[in-house]
N, C-alpha and C. Protein backbone atom coordinates (compact mmCIF):
# COMPACT_ATOMS: atom_id res chain seq x y z
N MET A 1 85.18 32.51 46.33
CA MET A 1 83.68 32.71 46.72
C MET A 1 83.47 34.40 46.61
N SER A 2 82.51 34.92 45.85
CA SER A 2 82.29 36.21 45.44
C SER A 2 81.51 37.02 46.91
N ASP A 3 81.45 38.17 46.74
CA ASP A 3 80.95 38.86 48.12
C ASP A 3 79.70 38.50 48.31
N ASP A 4 78.88 38.47 47.34
CA ASP A 4 77.32 38.03 47.39
C ASP A 4 76.92 36.62 47.44
N GLU A 5 77.80 35.69 47.37
CA GLU A 5 77.41 34.14 47.04
C GLU A 5 76.79 33.88 48.51
N GLN A 6 77.41 34.01 49.58
CA GLN A 6 76.81 33.70 50.92
C GLN A 6 75.99 34.77 51.52
N PRO A 7 74.81 34.98 51.34
CA PRO A 7 74.04 35.99 52.14
C PRO A 7 74.23 36.14 53.72
N ILE A 8 74.12 37.34 53.88
CA ILE A 8 74.57 37.76 55.64
C ILE A 8 73.07 37.92 56.06
N GLU A 9 72.68 37.04 56.90
CA GLU A 9 71.49 37.37 57.56
C GLU A 9 71.25 38.62 58.20
N SER A 10 69.83 39.25 58.25
CA SER A 10 69.49 40.09 59.11
C SER A 10 69.83 39.93 60.44
N PRO A 11 70.20 41.16 61.18
CA PRO A 11 70.69 41.19 62.80
C PRO A 11 69.17 41.12 63.55
N CYS A 12 68.14 41.15 62.76
CA CYS A 12 66.77 41.79 63.27
C CYS A 12 66.60 40.50 64.52
N VAL A 13 66.26 40.92 65.72
CA VAL A 13 65.74 40.17 66.82
C VAL A 13 64.41 40.11 67.36
N ARG A 14 63.56 40.90 66.27
CA ARG A 14 62.07 40.93 66.57
C ARG A 14 61.83 41.72 67.67
N CYS A 15 62.45 42.59 68.05
CA CYS A 15 62.35 43.61 69.20
C CYS A 15 62.33 44.98 68.60
N CYS A 16 61.49 45.21 67.64
CA CYS A 16 61.30 46.52 66.79
C CYS A 16 60.79 47.81 67.79
N CYS A 17 61.52 48.53 67.94
CA CYS A 17 60.99 49.67 68.63
C CYS A 17 62.44 50.72 68.41
N LEU A 18 62.10 51.93 67.99
CA LEU A 18 63.13 52.92 67.74
C LEU A 18 63.28 54.06 68.84
N ASP A 19 64.43 54.08 69.34
CA ASP A 19 64.65 55.02 70.44
C ASP A 19 64.60 56.46 70.11
N LEU A 20 65.08 57.46 70.72
CA LEU A 20 64.58 58.68 70.40
C LEU A 20 65.60 59.06 69.22
N GLY A 21 66.82 58.38 68.92
CA GLY A 21 67.71 58.86 67.87
C GLY A 21 67.40 57.94 66.63
N ASP A 22 66.20 57.18 66.68
CA ASP A 22 65.59 56.40 65.54
C ASP A 22 66.58 55.17 65.28
N ILE A 23 67.16 54.67 66.36
CA ILE A 23 67.94 53.43 66.28
C ILE A 23 67.10 52.36 67.03
N CYS A 24 66.90 51.20 66.05
CA CYS A 24 66.10 50.06 66.71
C CYS A 24 66.64 49.53 68.04
N VAL A 25 66.13 49.43 69.22
CA VAL A 25 66.53 49.01 70.32
C VAL A 25 66.94 47.24 70.11
N GLY A 26 66.46 46.80 69.43
CA GLY A 26 66.69 45.22 69.29
C GLY A 26 68.03 45.26 68.45
N CYS A 27 68.16 45.75 67.38
CA CYS A 27 69.32 45.21 66.51
C CYS A 27 70.45 46.47 66.35
N ASN A 28 70.03 47.40 66.77
CA ASN A 28 70.95 48.74 66.81
C ASN A 28 71.03 49.36 65.42
N ARG A 29 70.17 49.04 64.49
CA ARG A 29 70.26 49.44 63.11
C ARG A 29 69.33 51.01 62.98
N THR A 30 69.82 51.66 62.09
CA THR A 30 68.97 52.89 61.87
C THR A 30 67.74 52.44 61.14
N LEU A 31 66.68 53.49 61.11
CA LEU A 31 65.60 53.03 60.33
C LEU A 31 65.84 52.67 58.72
N THR A 32 66.82 53.68 58.12
CA THR A 32 67.38 53.35 56.89
C THR A 32 68.04 52.25 56.68
N GLU A 33 68.96 51.82 57.52
CA GLU A 33 69.76 50.58 57.36
C GLU A 33 68.57 49.56 57.21
N ILE A 34 67.63 49.40 58.18
CA ILE A 34 66.62 48.41 58.33
C ILE A 34 65.84 48.30 56.84
N CYS A 35 65.50 49.29 56.40
CA CYS A 35 64.79 49.75 55.13
C CYS A 35 65.62 49.41 53.86
N ASN A 36 66.96 49.33 53.91
CA ASN A 36 67.76 49.11 52.70
C ASN A 36 68.29 47.81 52.93
N TRP A 37 68.20 46.98 54.00
CA TRP A 37 69.12 45.79 54.20
C TRP A 37 69.06 44.88 52.71
N ASN A 38 68.07 44.49 52.68
CA ASN A 38 67.98 43.59 51.30
C ASN A 38 68.59 44.14 50.00
N ASN A 39 68.78 45.28 49.94
CA ASN A 39 69.60 45.81 48.85
C ASN A 39 70.96 46.10 48.94
N LEU A 40 71.44 45.89 50.11
CA LEU A 40 72.82 46.10 50.51
C LEU A 40 73.67 44.84 49.91
N SER A 41 74.98 45.10 49.52
CA SER A 41 75.93 44.05 49.31
C SER A 41 76.40 43.49 50.71
N ASN A 42 77.01 42.42 50.42
CA ASN A 42 77.42 41.86 51.75
C ASN A 42 78.83 42.77 52.28
N THR A 43 79.27 43.30 51.63
CA THR A 43 80.34 44.49 52.10
C THR A 43 79.62 45.47 52.98
N GLU A 44 78.43 46.05 52.25
CA GLU A 44 77.76 47.06 53.11
C GLU A 44 77.14 46.50 54.29
N LYS A 45 76.66 45.42 54.15
CA LYS A 45 76.07 44.57 55.50
C LYS A 45 77.04 44.35 56.58
N LEU A 46 78.20 43.91 56.22
CA LEU A 46 79.30 43.73 57.13
C LEU A 46 79.58 45.12 57.78
N ASP A 47 79.69 46.49 57.21
CA ASP A 47 79.68 47.71 57.55
C ASP A 47 78.64 48.12 58.54
N VAL A 48 77.35 47.93 58.21
CA VAL A 48 76.14 48.28 59.05
C VAL A 48 76.40 47.36 60.17
N LEU A 49 76.70 46.01 60.14
CA LEU A 49 76.79 45.27 61.33
C LEU A 49 77.94 45.83 62.28
N GLU A 50 79.06 46.52 61.88
CA GLU A 50 80.02 46.85 62.60
C GLU A 50 79.60 48.24 63.37
N LYS A 51 78.64 49.02 62.67
CA LYS A 51 78.19 50.17 62.96
C LYS A 51 77.16 49.82 64.56
N CYS A 52 76.60 48.78 64.16
CA CYS A 52 75.52 48.16 65.21
C CYS A 52 76.38 47.95 66.53
N LYS A 53 77.50 47.20 66.46
CA LYS A 53 78.30 46.87 67.45
C LYS A 53 78.65 47.97 68.22
N ILE A 54 79.29 49.10 67.53
CA ILE A 54 79.66 50.37 68.12
C ILE A 54 78.54 51.04 68.79
N ARG A 55 77.38 50.97 68.25
CA ARG A 55 76.03 51.62 68.97
C ARG A 55 75.84 50.86 70.01
N GLU A 56 75.74 49.70 70.03
CA GLU A 56 75.59 48.91 71.32
C GLU A 56 76.66 49.04 72.52
N ALA A 57 77.78 49.08 72.34
CA ALA A 57 78.80 49.34 73.03
C ALA A 57 78.58 50.63 73.35
N SER A 58 78.08 51.74 72.79
CA SER A 58 77.94 53.29 73.44
C SER A 58 77.03 53.30 74.24
N LYS A 59 75.85 52.41 74.29
CA LYS A 59 74.94 52.30 75.15
C LYS A 59 75.07 52.37 76.56
N PHE A 60 76.24 51.77 76.97
CA PHE A 60 76.51 51.47 78.33
C PHE A 60 77.55 52.12 78.72
N LYS A 61 78.14 53.29 77.87
CA LYS A 61 79.09 54.09 78.39
C LYS A 61 78.24 55.17 79.17
N ARG A 62 79.31 55.48 80.13
CA ARG A 62 78.52 56.48 81.00
C ARG A 62 79.22 57.75 80.95
N THR A 63 78.37 59.03 81.12
CA THR A 63 78.99 60.11 80.61
C THR A 63 79.12 60.84 82.05
């Protein structure tokens, strides 16, 4: 099975609002990642999803 046979769905949860860092509070993607999602390969989408996990985890770290 090739990289693009099974499309990866958007992580959008319909809670679209950008924070001060231009990161969506719903899915944790940047505006650029959101706009480019449909043009990304599955490999690139998986990379974005990994970055989203990191961003989500960093929201709860105390400084």
